[in-house]
């Protein structure tokens, strides 16, 4: 059975009301998509942390010394950083889609703030990762 509700949008005669089932259903789909994209972002970050932690424990258990240890740790750091960057990009995408679902002024301000913070984080991580790559090369 279709769920119906009164739309807060005015119709052509200037009165509120009318059926807006299709609009509500598409918003529900967008909400699920937003949630899915956010879950993907968090999953990418968690996967990066787990794989990096596994590599770190393996490296530390071997007890390597000298420059080789520093080089391997730098590679591990870049590896984790790349997962963090990718996860942040997915989370920014989820925030953008979420704002499409609920386009209020507050949501736009929150989105702008979140995107700005995550963009600064992404830029800083990317700059650090490319800087450490150049230092090795």
N, C-alpha and C. Protein backbone atom coordinates (compact mmCIF):
# COMPACT_ATOMS: atom_id res chain seq x y z
N UNK A 1 0.84 -1.18 0.00
CA UNK A 1 0.00 0.00 0.00
C UNK A 1 0.89 1.24 0.00
N UNK A 2 0.55 2.19 -0.82
CA UNK A 2 1.32 3.43 -0.91
C UNK A 2 1.08 4.30 0.31
N UNK A 3 2.16 4.86 0.78
CA UNK A 3 2.07 5.78 1.91
C UNK A 3 1.92 7.19 1.34
N UNK A 4 0.95 7.93 1.81
CA UNK A 4 0.71 9.26 1.29
C UNK A 4 0.81 10.29 2.40
N UNK A 5 1.19 11.48 2.06
CA UNK A 5 1.24 12.56 3.03
C UNK A 5 0.98 13.87 2.32
N UNK A 6 0.67 14.87 3.09
CA UNK A 6 0.41 16.19 2.54
C UNK A 6 1.73 16.90 2.28
N UNK A 7 1.89 17.39 1.10
CA UNK A 7 3.11 18.09 0.73
C UNK A 7 3.11 19.51 1.28
N UNK A 8 4.27 19.98 1.79
CA UNK A 8 4.34 21.37 2.26
C UNK A 8 4.51 22.35 1.11
N UNK A 9 4.51 21.87 -0.12
CA UNK A 9 4.70 22.72 -1.30
C UNK A 9 3.34 23.23 -1.78
N UNK A 10 3.30 24.49 -2.13
CA UNK A 10 2.04 25.07 -2.62
C UNK A 10 1.75 24.58 -4.04
N UNK A 11 0.48 24.32 -4.30
CA UNK A 11 0.09 23.94 -5.66
C UNK A 11 -0.16 25.21 -6.48
N UNK A 12 -0.63 25.03 -7.70
CA UNK A 12 -0.79 26.17 -8.60
C UNK A 12 -1.83 27.18 -8.10
N UNK A 13 -2.77 26.76 -7.30
CA UNK A 13 -3.78 27.69 -6.80
C UNK A 13 -3.32 28.41 -5.54
N UNK A 14 -2.11 28.09 -5.05
CA UNK A 14 -1.58 28.76 -3.88
C UNK A 14 -1.92 28.06 -2.58
N UNK A 15 -2.58 26.90 -2.66
CA UNK A 15 -2.93 26.16 -1.47
C UNK A 15 -1.88 25.09 -1.19
N UNK A 16 -1.68 24.81 0.08
CA UNK A 16 -0.78 23.74 0.46
C UNK A 16 -1.50 22.41 0.31
N UNK A 17 -0.74 21.38 0.06
CA UNK A 17 -1.34 20.05 0.02
C UNK A 17 -1.00 19.33 -1.26
N UNK A 18 -1.65 18.21 -1.46
CA UNK A 18 -1.41 17.40 -2.63
C UNK A 18 -0.58 16.19 -2.27
N UNK A 19 -0.61 15.21 -3.14
CA UNK A 19 0.14 13.99 -2.90
C UNK A 19 1.56 14.15 -3.42
N UNK A 20 2.48 13.71 -2.63
CA UNK A 20 3.88 13.81 -3.03
C UNK A 20 4.59 12.49 -2.74
N UNK A 21 3.97 11.38 -3.11
CA UNK A 21 4.52 10.06 -2.84
C UNK A 21 5.85 9.86 -3.56
N UNK A 22 5.89 10.21 -4.83
CA UNK A 22 7.10 9.99 -5.62
C UNK A 22 8.28 10.78 -5.06
N UNK A 23 8.03 12.02 -4.64
CA UNK A 23 9.09 12.84 -4.07
C UNK A 23 9.61 12.26 -2.78
N UNK A 24 8.72 11.76 -1.96
CA UNK A 24 9.13 11.16 -0.68
C UNK A 24 9.92 9.88 -0.92
N UNK A 25 9.49 9.10 -1.89
CA UNK A 25 10.18 7.84 -2.20
C UNK A 25 11.58 8.12 -2.74
N UNK A 26 11.73 9.12 -3.59
CA UNK A 26 13.06 9.43 -4.12
C UNK A 26 13.96 9.99 -3.02
N UNK A 27 13.39 10.73 -2.07
CA UNK A 27 14.18 11.22 -0.95
C UNK A 27 14.66 10.06 -0.08
N UNK A 28 13.80 9.07 0.10
CA UNK A 28 14.18 7.89 0.87
C UNK A 28 15.34 7.16 0.18
N UNK A 29 15.27 7.05 -1.13
CA UNK A 29 16.35 6.40 -1.89
C UNK A 29 17.65 7.20 -1.75
N UNK A 30 17.56 8.52 -1.86
CA UNK A 30 18.75 9.35 -1.70
C UNK A 30 19.33 9.23 -0.29
N UNK A 31 18.46 9.11 0.71
CA UNK A 31 18.94 8.94 2.08
C UNK A 31 19.70 7.62 2.22
N UNK A 32 19.18 6.56 1.63
CA UNK A 32 19.86 5.25 1.66
C UNK A 32 21.19 5.34 0.92
N UNK A 33 21.21 6.02 -0.21
CA UNK A 33 22.45 6.19 -0.97
C UNK A 33 23.47 6.96 -0.14
N UNK A 34 23.03 8.03 0.50
CA UNK A 34 23.93 8.81 1.36
C UNK A 34 24.51 7.96 2.47
N UNK A 35 23.67 7.19 3.12
CA UNK A 35 24.12 6.32 4.19
C UNK A 35 25.13 5.30 3.66
N UNK A 36 24.84 4.74 2.49
CA UNK A 36 25.74 3.76 1.88
C UNK A 36 27.10 4.35 1.54
N UNK A 37 27.10 5.55 0.98
CA UNK A 37 28.37 6.21 0.65
C UNK A 37 29.17 6.49 1.92
N UNK A 38 28.48 6.93 2.97
CA UNK A 38 29.15 7.18 4.25
C UNK A 38 29.75 5.90 4.82
N UNK A 39 29.00 4.81 4.74
CA UNK A 39 29.50 3.51 5.22
C UNK A 39 30.72 3.08 4.42
N UNK A 40 30.71 3.31 3.12
CA UNK A 40 31.87 2.98 2.30
C UNK A 40 33.09 3.78 2.76
N UNK A 41 32.89 5.08 3.02
CA UNK A 41 34.00 5.91 3.48
C UNK A 41 34.58 5.43 4.79
N UNK A 42 33.71 5.13 5.74
CA UNK A 42 34.17 4.63 7.04
C UNK A 42 34.85 3.27 6.87
N UNK A 43 34.29 2.42 6.01
CA UNK A 43 34.88 1.10 5.77
C UNK A 43 36.27 1.20 5.16
N UNK A 44 36.45 2.13 4.23
CA UNK A 44 37.77 2.32 3.62
C UNK A 44 38.78 2.74 4.68
N UNK A 45 38.40 3.67 5.54
CA UNK A 45 39.30 4.13 6.60
C UNK A 45 39.62 2.98 7.56
N UNK A 46 38.60 2.24 7.98
CA UNK A 46 38.82 1.12 8.89
C UNK A 46 39.70 0.05 8.25
N UNK A 47 39.47 -0.24 6.97
CA UNK A 47 40.30 -1.23 6.27
C UNK A 47 41.75 -0.76 6.23
N UNK A 48 41.96 0.51 5.95
CA UNK A 48 43.31 1.06 5.93
C UNK A 48 43.99 0.96 7.28
N UNK A 49 43.23 1.25 8.35
CA UNK A 49 43.79 1.15 9.70
C UNK A 49 44.15 -0.29 10.03
N UNK A 50 43.25 -1.22 9.70
CA UNK A 50 43.50 -2.63 10.00
C UNK A 50 44.71 -3.15 9.22
N UNK A 51 44.77 -2.88 7.92
CA UNK A 51 45.90 -3.38 7.13
C UNK A 51 47.21 -2.71 7.55
N UNK A 52 47.15 -1.42 7.85
CA UNK A 52 48.36 -0.72 8.28
C UNK A 52 48.82 -1.22 9.65
N UNK A 53 47.89 -1.48 10.54
CA UNK A 53 48.24 -2.00 11.85
C UNK A 53 48.86 -3.39 11.73
N UNK A 54 48.30 -4.20 10.85
CA UNK A 54 48.85 -5.53 10.61
C UNK A 54 50.28 -5.44 10.08
N UNK A 55 50.50 -4.56 9.11
CA UNK A 55 51.84 -4.37 8.56
C UNK A 55 52.80 -3.82 9.62
N UNK A 56 52.31 -2.90 10.45
CA UNK A 56 53.14 -2.32 11.49
C UNK A 56 53.58 -3.39 12.50
N UNK A 57 52.63 -4.21 12.93
CA UNK A 57 52.96 -5.27 13.88
C UNK A 57 53.96 -6.25 13.27
N UNK A 58 53.77 -6.58 12.00
CA UNK A 58 54.70 -7.49 11.32
C UNK A 58 56.10 -6.88 11.24
N UNK A 59 56.17 -5.58 10.92
CA UNK A 59 57.47 -4.90 10.83
C UNK A 59 58.15 -4.84 12.19
N UNK A 60 57.39 -4.51 13.22
CA UNK A 60 57.96 -4.38 14.56
C UNK A 60 58.39 -5.74 15.12
N UNK A 61 57.68 -6.78 14.77
CA UNK A 61 58.05 -8.10 15.29
C UNK A 61 59.34 -8.61 14.67
N UNK A 62 59.68 -8.12 13.48
CA UNK A 62 60.95 -8.50 12.85
C UNK A 62 62.12 -7.77 13.48
N UNK A 63 61.84 -6.65 14.12
CA UNK A 63 62.88 -5.91 14.83
C UNK A 63 63.97 -5.37 13.92
N UNK A 64 63.56 -4.85 12.76
CA UNK A 64 64.55 -4.29 11.84
C UNK A 64 65.12 -3.00 12.39
N UNK A 65 66.40 -2.77 12.14
CA UNK A 65 67.06 -1.56 12.62
C UNK A 65 67.59 -0.75 11.45
N UNK A 66 67.92 0.51 11.74
CA UNK A 66 68.59 1.35 10.76
C UNK A 66 67.66 2.05 9.81
N UNK A 67 68.22 2.44 8.67
CA UNK A 67 67.47 3.22 7.68
C UNK A 67 66.34 2.42 7.05
N UNK A 68 66.54 1.11 6.95
CA UNK A 68 65.50 0.29 6.35
C UNK A 68 64.21 0.38 7.15
N UNK A 69 64.31 0.42 8.47
CA UNK A 69 63.13 0.54 9.33
C UNK A 69 62.44 1.89 9.11
N UNK A 70 63.22 2.93 9.03
CA UNK A 70 62.63 4.26 8.80
C UNK A 70 61.94 4.33 7.44
N UNK A 71 62.56 3.76 6.44
CA UNK A 71 61.97 3.75 5.09
C UNK A 71 60.67 2.96 5.08
N UNK A 72 60.66 1.81 5.74
CA UNK A 72 59.46 0.98 5.78
C UNK A 72 58.34 1.67 6.55
N UNK A 73 58.68 2.36 7.61
CA UNK A 73 57.66 3.10 8.37
C UNK A 73 57.08 4.23 7.54
N UNK A 74 57.92 4.88 6.76
CA UNK A 74 57.45 5.96 5.88
C UNK A 74 56.50 5.40 4.82
N UNK A 75 56.84 4.25 4.28
CA UNK A 75 55.94 3.60 3.31
C UNK A 75 54.62 3.25 3.97
N UNK A 76 54.69 2.73 5.17
CA UNK A 76 53.48 2.39 5.93
C UNK A 76 52.64 3.63 6.20
N UNK A 77 53.28 4.72 6.53
CA UNK A 77 52.58 5.99 6.78
C UNK A 77 51.85 6.48 5.53
N UNK A 78 52.53 6.40 4.39
CA UNK A 78 51.89 6.79 3.13
C UNK A 78 50.73 5.87 2.79
N UNK A 79 50.90 4.59 3.07
CA UNK A 79 49.84 3.62 2.83
C UNK A 79 48.59 3.97 3.63
N UNK A 80 48.76 4.22 4.92
CA UNK A 80 47.63 4.60 5.77
C UNK A 80 47.03 5.94 5.32
N UNK A 81 47.89 6.90 4.99
CA UNK A 81 47.42 8.21 4.53
C UNK A 81 46.58 8.13 3.28
N UNK A 82 46.93 7.23 2.36
CA UNK A 82 46.13 7.11 1.13
C UNK A 82 44.74 6.57 1.44
N UNK A 83 44.65 5.63 2.38
CA UNK A 83 43.32 5.14 2.79
C UNK A 83 42.52 6.25 3.47
N UNK A 84 43.17 7.03 4.31
CA UNK A 84 42.47 8.14 4.97
C UNK A 84 41.93 9.14 3.95
N UNK A 85 42.74 9.47 2.96
CA UNK A 85 42.30 10.41 1.92
C UNK A 85 41.09 9.87 1.16
N UNK A 86 41.17 8.61 0.77
CA UNK A 86 40.06 8.03 0.00
C UNK A 86 38.78 7.97 0.84
N UNK A 87 38.91 7.58 2.10
CA UNK A 87 37.75 7.54 2.99
C UNK A 87 37.13 8.91 3.18
N UNK A 88 37.97 9.94 3.35
CA UNK A 88 37.46 11.31 3.51
C UNK A 88 36.72 11.76 2.26
N UNK A 89 37.21 11.39 1.09
CA UNK A 89 36.53 11.78 -0.16
C UNK A 89 35.14 11.16 -0.23
N UNK A 90 35.02 9.90 0.16
CA UNK A 90 33.69 9.27 0.19
C UNK A 90 32.78 9.97 1.18
N UNK A 91 33.31 10.35 2.33
CA UNK A 91 32.48 11.01 3.35
C UNK A 91 32.04 12.40 2.90
N UNK A 92 32.89 13.10 2.16
CA UNK A 92 32.49 14.40 1.60
C UNK A 92 31.37 14.20 0.60
N UNK A 93 31.49 13.16 -0.23
CA UNK A 93 30.43 12.87 -1.21
C UNK A 93 29.11 12.56 -0.50
N UNK A 94 29.17 11.82 0.59
CA UNK A 94 27.95 11.51 1.35
C UNK A 94 27.32 12.78 1.92
N UNK A 95 28.15 13.69 2.40
CA UNK A 95 27.62 14.96 2.93
C UNK A 95 26.96 15.79 1.84
N UNK A 96 27.54 15.79 0.66
CA UNK A 96 26.95 16.55 -0.45
C UNK A 96 25.60 15.96 -0.83
N UNK A 97 25.51 14.64 -0.96
CA UNK A 97 24.24 14.01 -1.30
C UNK A 97 23.21 14.24 -0.18
N UNK A 98 23.66 14.20 1.07
CA UNK A 98 22.76 14.44 2.20
C UNK A 98 22.17 15.84 2.16
N UNK A 99 22.94 16.80 1.71
CA UNK A 99 22.44 18.17 1.60
C UNK A 99 21.40 18.28 0.49
N UNK A 100 21.52 17.46 -0.53
CA UNK A 100 20.50 17.42 -1.58
C UNK A 100 19.18 16.92 -0.99
N UNK A 101 19.27 15.97 -0.07
CA UNK A 101 18.07 15.41 0.56
C UNK A 101 17.41 16.44 1.47
N UNK A 102 18.20 17.18 2.25
CA UNK A 102 17.67 18.16 3.20
C UNK A 102 18.32 19.52 2.96
N UNK A 103 17.90 20.26 1.95
CA UNK A 103 18.59 21.50 1.61
C UNK A 103 18.17 22.72 2.42
N UNK A 104 18.30 22.65 3.73
CA UNK A 104 17.99 23.82 4.55
C UNK A 104 19.25 24.69 4.69
N UNK A 105 19.07 25.89 5.17
CA UNK A 105 20.20 26.80 5.36
C UNK A 105 21.18 26.20 6.37
N UNK A 106 20.65 25.64 7.45
CA UNK A 106 21.52 25.01 8.45
C UNK A 106 22.33 23.88 7.84
N UNK A 107 21.68 23.04 7.03
CA UNK A 107 22.39 21.93 6.39
C UNK A 107 23.48 22.45 5.46
N UNK A 108 23.21 23.54 4.75
CA UNK A 108 24.22 24.11 3.85
C UNK A 108 25.41 24.66 4.64
N UNK A 109 25.14 25.29 5.77
CA UNK A 109 26.23 25.82 6.61
C UNK A 109 27.05 24.66 7.17
N UNK A 110 26.36 23.63 7.66
CA UNK A 110 27.06 22.46 8.20
C UNK A 110 27.87 21.80 7.10
N UNK A 111 27.28 21.64 5.92
CA UNK A 111 28.00 21.03 4.81
C UNK A 111 29.24 21.84 4.44
N UNK A 112 29.08 23.14 4.35
CA UNK A 112 30.22 23.99 4.03
C UNK A 112 31.34 23.85 5.04
N UNK A 113 30.98 23.80 6.30
CA UNK A 113 31.98 23.64 7.36
C UNK A 113 32.67 22.28 7.28
N UNK A 114 31.87 21.24 7.12
CA UNK A 114 32.44 19.88 7.05
C UNK A 114 33.33 19.74 5.83
N UNK A 115 32.86 20.21 4.69
CA UNK A 115 33.67 20.11 3.46
C UNK A 115 34.96 20.90 3.61
N UNK A 116 34.87 22.09 4.21
CA UNK A 116 36.08 22.90 4.40
C UNK A 116 37.09 22.18 5.30
N UNK A 117 36.62 21.62 6.41
CA UNK A 117 37.51 20.91 7.32
C UNK A 117 38.11 19.69 6.65
N UNK A 118 37.27 18.90 6.00
CA UNK A 118 37.77 17.68 5.35
C UNK A 118 38.67 18.01 4.17
N UNK A 119 38.40 19.10 3.48
CA UNK A 119 39.27 19.49 2.37
C UNK A 119 40.63 19.91 2.88
N UNK A 120 40.66 20.66 3.98
CA UNK A 120 41.95 21.04 4.58
C UNK A 120 42.70 19.80 5.03
N UNK A 121 42.01 18.86 5.67
CA UNK A 121 42.65 17.61 6.07
C UNK A 121 43.18 16.84 4.87
N UNK A 122 42.36 16.73 3.83
CA UNK A 122 42.78 16.03 2.62
C UNK A 122 43.99 16.71 1.98
N UNK A 123 43.94 18.03 1.89
CA UNK A 123 45.05 18.78 1.30
C UNK A 123 46.33 18.57 2.11
N UNK A 124 46.21 18.65 3.44
CA UNK A 124 47.38 18.48 4.30
C UNK A 124 47.96 17.07 4.17
N UNK A 125 47.08 16.07 4.20
CA UNK A 125 47.55 14.69 4.04
C UNK A 125 48.20 14.48 2.69
N UNK A 126 47.57 14.99 1.64
CA UNK A 126 48.10 14.82 0.29
C UNK A 126 49.45 15.52 0.15
N UNK A 127 49.55 16.72 0.70
CA UNK A 127 50.81 17.46 0.63
C UNK A 127 51.92 16.72 1.37
N UNK A 128 51.57 16.18 2.53
CA UNK A 128 52.55 15.43 3.31
C UNK A 128 52.97 14.15 2.58
N UNK A 129 52.00 13.47 1.99
CA UNK A 129 52.31 12.23 1.27
C UNK A 129 53.17 12.49 0.04
N UNK A 130 52.85 13.53 -0.73
CA UNK A 130 53.66 13.82 -1.92
C UNK A 130 55.02 14.37 -1.51
N UNK A 131 55.07 15.12 -0.41
CA UNK A 131 56.36 15.62 0.10
C UNK A 131 57.27 14.50 0.54
N UNK A 132 56.72 13.49 1.21
CA UNK A 132 57.56 12.38 1.66
C UNK A 132 57.96 11.51 0.47
N UNK A 133 57.14 11.45 -0.57
CA UNK A 133 57.50 10.69 -1.77
C UNK A 133 58.67 11.36 -2.48
N UNK A 134 58.65 12.69 -2.56
CA UNK A 134 59.74 13.42 -3.21
C UNK A 134 61.03 13.33 -2.42
N UNK A 135 60.92 13.32 -1.11
CA UNK A 135 62.12 13.24 -0.27
C UNK A 135 62.82 11.90 -0.44
N UNK A 136 62.03 10.83 -0.70
CA UNK A 136 62.63 9.52 -0.92
C UNK A 136 63.25 9.42 -2.29
N UNK A 137 62.64 10.07 -3.28
CA UNK A 137 63.06 9.92 -4.66
C UNK A 137 64.20 10.74 -5.05
